[in-house]
Protein backbone atom coordinates (compact mmCIF):
# COMPACT_ATOMS: atom_id res chain seq x y z
CA UNK A 1 41.09 -33.82 -18.03
CA UNK A 2 38.24 -31.35 -16.72
CA UNK A 3 39.03 -32.43 -13.11
CA UNK A 4 42.97 -31.59 -13.19
CA UNK A 5 42.24 -28.53 -15.02
CA UNK A 6 39.70 -27.45 -12.27
CA UNK A 7 42.30 -28.99 -9.81
CA UNK A 8 45.24 -26.35 -10.96
CA UNK A 9 42.44 -23.18 -10.96
CA UNK A 10 41.33 -23.88 -7.30
CA UNK A 11 45.28 -24.40 -6.53
CA UNK A 12 45.95 -21.39 -8.41
CA UNK A 13 43.37 -19.17 -6.61
CA UNK A 14 44.22 -20.04 -3.28
CA UNK A 15 47.67 -18.97 -3.73
CA UNK A 16 46.61 -15.83 -4.73
CA UNK A 17 44.38 -15.09 -2.14
CA UNK A 18 47.30 -16.28 0.16
CA UNK A 19 49.89 -13.61 -1.50
CA UNK A 20 47.25 -10.78 -1.32
CA UNK A 21 46.07 -11.96 2.47
CA UNK A 22 49.87 -11.25 2.74
CA UNK A 23 49.58 -7.40 2.31
CA UNK A 24 48.30 -6.23 5.35
CA UNK A 25 50.49 -2.81 5.11
CA UNK A 26 47.33 -1.36 2.58
CA UNK A 27 45.51 1.92 2.96
CA UNK A 28 42.25 0.54 2.31
CA UNK A 29 39.00 0.16 4.34
CA UNK A 30 36.49 -1.76 2.62
CA UNK A 31 32.78 -0.80 4.40
CA UNK A 32 29.91 -3.19 3.56
CA UNK A 33 27.17 -0.55 2.95
CA UNK A 34 26.28 2.86 2.39
CA UNK A 35 25.67 3.19 6.07
CA UNK A 36 28.72 1.42 7.49
CA UNK A 37 30.69 3.35 4.71
CA UNK A 38 29.20 6.56 6.01
CA UNK A 39 30.13 6.25 9.55
CA UNK A 40 33.16 5.13 9.01
CA UNK A 41 34.40 7.95 6.90
CA UNK A 42 33.02 9.79 9.43
CA UNK A 43 36.12 8.40 12.00
CA UNK A 44 38.58 7.45 9.89
CA UNK A 45 38.43 10.76 7.81
CA UNK A 46 41.58 10.83 5.35
CA UNK A 47 43.58 8.96 7.11
CA UNK A 48 42.62 5.61 5.09
CA UNK A 49 40.66 5.13 1.45
CA UNK A 50 36.94 3.73 2.64
CA UNK A 51 35.26 1.97 0.00
CA UNK A 52 32.03 0.69 -0.49
CA UNK A 53 31.60 -3.37 -0.92
CA UNK A 54 28.10 -3.29 -2.35
CA UNK A 55 27.47 -1.16 -4.90
CA UNK A 56 24.68 1.74 -4.66
CA UNK A 57 21.81 1.20 -6.69
CA UNK A 58 22.18 -2.86 -5.73
CA UNK A 59 19.83 -4.67 -2.92
CA UNK A 60 22.26 -5.14 0.06
CA UNK A 61 19.86 -8.04 1.41
CA UNK A 62 20.44 -10.31 -1.67
CA UNK A 63 23.74 -9.24 -3.27
CA UNK A 64 25.55 -11.67 -4.54
CA UNK A 65 29.63 -10.81 -4.99
CA UNK A 66 32.05 -12.34 -7.89
CA UNK A 67 34.72 -14.09 -6.68
CA UNK A 68 36.90 -11.11 -7.96
CA UNK A 69 35.10 -9.01 -5.56
CA UNK A 70 35.68 -11.20 -2.49
CA UNK A 71 39.06 -11.59 -3.51
CA UNK A 72 39.54 -7.84 -3.39
CA UNK A 73 38.79 -7.63 0.59
CA UNK A 74 42.03 -9.66 1.26
CA UNK A 75 43.96 -6.54 0.32
CA UNK A 76 41.74 -4.49 2.98
CA UNK A 77 43.00 -3.45 5.94
CA UNK A 78 39.85 -4.08 7.94
CA UNK A 79 36.20 -5.18 6.35
CA UNK A 80 33.37 -3.35 8.11
CA UNK A 81 30.32 -4.83 8.32
CA UNK A 82 26.67 -4.21 9.93
CA UNK A 83 25.71 -8.10 10.69
CA UNK A 84 22.43 -9.13 12.28
CA UNK A 85 21.71 -11.08 8.65
CA UNK A 86 21.96 -7.58 6.67
CA UNK A 87 24.79 -8.53 4.38
CA UNK A 88 23.51 -12.26 3.14
CA UNK A 89 26.90 -13.28 1.62
CA UNK A 90 28.84 -12.95 4.87
CA UNK A 91 28.22 -16.82 4.73
CA UNK A 92 30.39 -17.09 1.52
CA UNK A 93 33.21 -15.25 2.64
CA UNK A 94 36.60 -16.97 3.35
CA UNK A 95 37.28 -17.27 7.21
CA UNK A 96 40.34 -15.17 6.40
CA UNK A 97 37.80 -12.26 5.34
CA UNK A 98 35.66 -12.83 8.22
CA UNK A 99 38.38 -12.89 11.07
CA UNK A 100 39.61 -9.72 10.40
CA UNK A 101 36.15 -8.39 10.10
CA UNK A 102 34.52 -5.41 12.59
CA UNK A 103 30.67 -5.99 12.61
CA UNK A 104 29.27 -3.39 13.89
CA UNK A 105 26.15 -5.34 15.75
CA UNK A 106 27.94 -6.85 18.03
CA UNK A 107 26.94 -5.11 21.48
CA UNK A 108 23.62 -3.71 20.38
CA UNK A 109 20.08 -5.48 21.70
CA UNK A 110 18.35 -6.71 18.23
CA UNK A 111 14.82 -6.28 17.61
CA UNK A 112 12.75 -8.64 15.51
CA UNK A 113 10.52 -9.08 12.44
CA UNK A 114 7.09 -10.89 13.20
CA UNK A 115 5.69 -9.97 10.25
CA UNK A 116 2.32 -11.55 11.49
CA UNK A 117 1.26 -8.16 12.13
CA UNK A 118 0.11 -9.34 15.57
CA UNK A 119 1.71 -6.28 18.07
CA UNK A 120 0.99 -8.77 20.92
CA UNK A 121 3.65 -11.49 20.93
CA UNK A 122 5.82 -12.64 23.33
CA UNK A 123 9.01 -10.78 22.98
CA UNK A 124 11.42 -13.89 24.15
CA UNK A 125 10.03 -15.92 21.62
CA UNK A 126 12.26 -15.61 18.58
CA UNK A 127 12.31 -19.05 16.90
CA UNK A 128 10.30 -18.58 14.19
CA UNK A 129 11.37 -14.40 13.72
CA UNK A 130 14.22 -12.41 11.95
CA UNK A 131 16.34 -10.16 13.29
CA UNK A 132 16.04 -6.69 12.19
CA UNK A 133 19.15 -5.84 10.64
CA UNK A 134 18.47 -1.58 10.73
CA UNK A 135 19.98 -0.96 13.28
CA UNK A 136 21.98 2.42 11.73
CA UNK A 137 18.25 4.20 12.13
CA UNK A 138 18.35 4.65 15.91
CA UNK A 139 20.57 7.08 15.86
CA UNK A 140 21.55 6.38 19.28
CA UNK A 141 22.77 2.69 17.40
CA UNK A 142 24.70 5.06 14.88
CA UNK A 143 26.59 6.65 17.83
CA UNK A 144 27.33 2.88 19.09
CA UNK A 145 28.99 1.68 15.96
CA UNK A 146 31.03 4.53 15.18
CA UNK A 147 32.42 4.17 19.01
CA UNK A 148 33.35 0.72 17.60
CA UNK A 149 34.73 1.63 14.44
CA UNK A 150 37.08 4.58 16.27
CA UNK A 151 37.96 1.13 18.93
CA UNK A 152 38.94 -0.55 15.83
CA UNK A 153 40.86 2.67 14.26
CA UNK A 154 42.56 2.90 17.28
CA UNK A 155 43.77 -0.86 17.97
CA UNK A 156 45.00 -0.84 14.30
CA UNK A 157 46.27 2.54 13.88
CA UNK A 158 47.44 4.17 17.30
CA UNK A 159 49.46 6.95 16.02
CA UNK A 160 46.17 8.41 14.92
CA UNK A 161 44.30 7.73 18.19
CA UNK A 162 43.88 11.21 18.80
CA UNK A 163 42.58 11.93 15.42
CA UNK A 164 39.78 9.21 15.31
CA UNK A 165 38.90 9.88 18.98
CA UNK A 166 38.56 13.72 17.65
CA UNK A 167 36.75 12.74 15.04
CA UNK A 168 34.22 10.81 16.85
CA UNK A 169 33.71 13.38 19.75
CA UNK A 170 32.42 15.85 16.91
CA UNK A 171 30.48 13.32 15.28
CA UNK A 172 28.75 12.50 18.39
CA UNK A 173 27.86 15.31 19.09
CA UNK A 174 26.35 16.38 15.85
CA UNK A 175 24.55 12.83 15.75
CA UNK A 176 22.99 13.64 19.88
CA UNK A 177 21.73 16.87 18.48
CA UNK A 178 19.59 15.60 15.73
CA UNK A 179 18.61 12.98 18.55
CA UNK A 180 17.18 16.16 20.59
CA UNK A 181 15.58 17.55 17.53
CA UNK A 182 13.40 14.71 16.86
CA UNK A 183 12.36 13.95 20.43
CA UNK A 184 11.46 18.39 20.24
CA UNK A 185 9.27 18.19 17.23
CA UNK A 186 7.96 14.92 17.45
CA UNK A 187 6.93 15.50 21.15
CA UNK A 188 2.78 17.20 19.88
CA UNK A 189 2.55 14.35 17.34
CA UNK A 190 -1.39 13.19 17.33
CA UNK A 191 -0.57 9.28 17.10
CA UNK A 192 1.79 7.00 17.88
CA UNK A 193 1.43 4.84 15.16
CA UNK A 194 3.43 4.85 11.39
CA UNK A 195 2.46 2.85 8.53
CA UNK A 196 5.59 1.73 6.32
CA UNK A 197 6.04 -0.37 3.09
CA UNK A 198 8.69 -2.66 4.82
CA UNK A 199 9.35 -3.23 7.91
CA UNK A 200 12.99 -1.03 8.42
CA UNK A 201 12.03 1.45 10.85
CA UNK A 202 11.44 -0.86 14.31
CA UNK A 203 14.46 0.84 15.82
CA UNK A 204 14.45 4.35 14.99
CA UNK A 205 10.48 3.57 16.31
CA UNK A 206 11.78 2.21 19.36
CA UNK A 207 13.81 5.53 20.39
CA UNK A 208 10.47 8.00 20.00
CA UNK A 209 7.63 5.75 21.29
CA UNK A 210 6.15 4.90 18.01
CA UNK A 211 4.85 1.92 17.27
CA UNK A 212 5.57 0.04 13.40
CA UNK A 213 2.87 -1.42 11.09
CA UNK A 214 4.73 -2.96 8.28
CA UNK A 215 2.93 -3.92 4.78
CA UNK A 216 5.77 -6.14 3.86
CA UNK A 217 8.59 -7.59 6.49
CA UNK A 218 12.33 -7.13 6.52
CA UNK A 219 12.77 -7.09 2.87
CA UNK A 220 10.50 -5.80 -0.05
CA UNK A 221 10.40 -9.29 -1.21
CA UNK A 222 8.82 -10.04 2.20
CA UNK A 223 5.21 -9.96 0.68
CA UNK A 224 1.76 -10.13 2.66
CA UNK A 225 -0.59 -12.97 1.93
CA UNK A 226 -3.98 -11.93 0.92
CA UNK A 227 -5.54 -12.45 4.56
CA UNK A 228 -2.47 -10.51 6.21
CA UNK A 229 -3.07 -7.77 3.83
CA UNK A 230 -6.75 -8.00 4.84
CA UNK A 231 -5.97 -7.37 8.44
CA UNK A 232 -3.18 -4.44 7.74
CA UNK A 233 -6.19 -2.76 5.88
CA UNK A 234 -8.47 -3.58 8.96
CA UNK A 235 -5.73 -2.34 11.23
CA UNK A 236 -4.30 0.96 9.61
CA UNK A 237 -8.12 2.05 9.37
CA UNK A 238 -9.21 1.22 12.88
CA UNK A 239 -5.77 3.52 13.92
CA UNK A 240 -7.05 6.04 11.66
CA UNK A 241 -3.94 6.08 9.78
CA UNK A 242 -3.38 8.99 7.69
CA UNK A 243 -0.77 8.48 5.55
CA UNK A 244 1.65 4.88 4.49
CA UNK A 245 5.43 5.37 4.16
CA UNK A 246 7.83 3.77 1.52
CA UNK A 247 11.31 4.70 -0.23
CA UNK A 248 10.98 7.79 -2.41
CA UNK A 249 12.08 5.86 -5.02
CA UNK A 250 10.23 2.54 -4.89
CA UNK A 251 6.55 1.80 -6.11
CA UNK A 252 4.83 -1.12 -4.12
CA UNK A 253 1.11 -2.61 -5.25
CA UNK A 254 0.49 -3.16 -2.05
CA UNK A 255 0.66 -0.07 -0.70
CA UNK A 256 -0.77 1.48 -3.43
CA UNK A 257 -3.76 -0.58 -3.05
CA UNK A 258 -4.38 -0.07 0.83
CA UNK A 259 -3.64 3.90 0.12
CA UNK A 260 -6.07 3.69 -2.46
CA UNK A 261 -9.07 1.52 -0.96
CA UNK A 262 -8.28 3.61 2.37
CA UNK A 263 -7.83 6.87 0.48
CA UNK A 264 -4.84 7.94 2.67
CA UNK A 265 -1.60 9.61 1.29
CA UNK A 266 1.71 8.12 0.30
CA UNK A 267 4.99 9.71 1.73
CA UNK A 268 8.50 8.54 2.15
CA UNK A 269 11.18 7.47 4.81
CA UNK A 270 14.52 6.94 3.14
CA UNK A 271 16.01 3.76 4.66
CA UNK A 272 19.60 4.71 4.08
CA UNK A 273 20.72 1.61 2.80
CA UNK A 274 22.29 2.90 -0.32
CA UNK A 275 21.95 6.21 -2.03
CA UNK A 276 20.68 6.54 -5.53
CA UNK A 277 20.31 8.83 -8.25
CA UNK A 278 17.85 11.17 -5.90
CA UNK A 279 20.26 10.97 -2.84
CA UNK A 280 24.23 10.91 -4.30
CA UNK A 281 24.30 14.32 -2.54
CA UNK A 282 22.98 13.23 0.70
CA UNK A 283 24.32 11.86 3.88
CA UNK A 284 23.21 10.03 6.83
CA UNK A 285 22.52 13.11 8.93
CA UNK A 286 20.76 14.86 5.80
CA UNK A 287 18.82 12.25 5.43
CA UNK A 288 17.49 11.18 8.70
CA UNK A 289 16.84 14.98 8.76
CA UNK A 290 14.64 14.58 5.93
CA UNK A 291 13.08 11.28 7.35
CA UNK A 292 12.16 13.76 10.74
CA UNK A 293 10.72 16.14 8.31
CA UNK A 294 8.38 13.28 6.70
CA UNK A 295 7.45 11.94 9.93
CA UNK A 296 6.74 15.77 11.73
CA UNK A 297 4.34 16.75 8.46
CA UNK A 298 2.39 13.30 8.89
CA UNK A 299 2.20 12.67 12.52
CA UNK A 300 1.98 16.11 14.15
CA UNK A 301 -0.61 17.61 11.55
CA UNK A 302 -4.46 16.81 11.66
């Protein structure tokens, strides 16, 4: 009896999703996470309603959407994701949704997490490594991502081509100005090394000739072993690191322990993965500008 009931439930869900999938004349575009939402909204403007799939306050790396939440994607005109494994739930999405997704990491050169804290690695040996998905923290990458969005919007809504392209050019100018500001304000830095709570800032570092020393891996769940923690502490000491960067709203026992043992300061860099109570009125530009201020204070002062 239970098998029969389960069978009809599955059939019912399938029919519901099929019916939803026919409704493609919707005015909703779903962006997976905040960085995808911010960049999409800049291009789409008021032509479509842009919603965010992973709620702010949720950890995008391990978010598990409900069946109802996934079902709502069938009604979306377009689903936009970061890619590179950032949205772990992607594998659970039906093919019909995957097939209409725009993946913003397409065409972007990946960086890899080594989480061994050994910076003398073979760049071609990626078998045991994880792709770093935090591509939007490179302003150059963010511009490429907006370009992907504008191309897709022109494809699905050619009547508003001029509108989307104009929005892209305006935002490209803003982002390029911020990139120049980063280069100018960090050019007098005293060191090229930054210490971070977790390994999120590799793309930003690459743009400006910095090197990230991360205490944890791609996510805060990638905790170091005791021996790794000892190596990190020694490395920070040998490189005369004065500041450890973490999220403003987070507390890391590992970072706290190292900061205490080496008598160094704590500061904050925002990964811009999601907004919270402290940043709900911010956007990509303002948060990246705040990050620059934190970096400048730490790297350019004695």
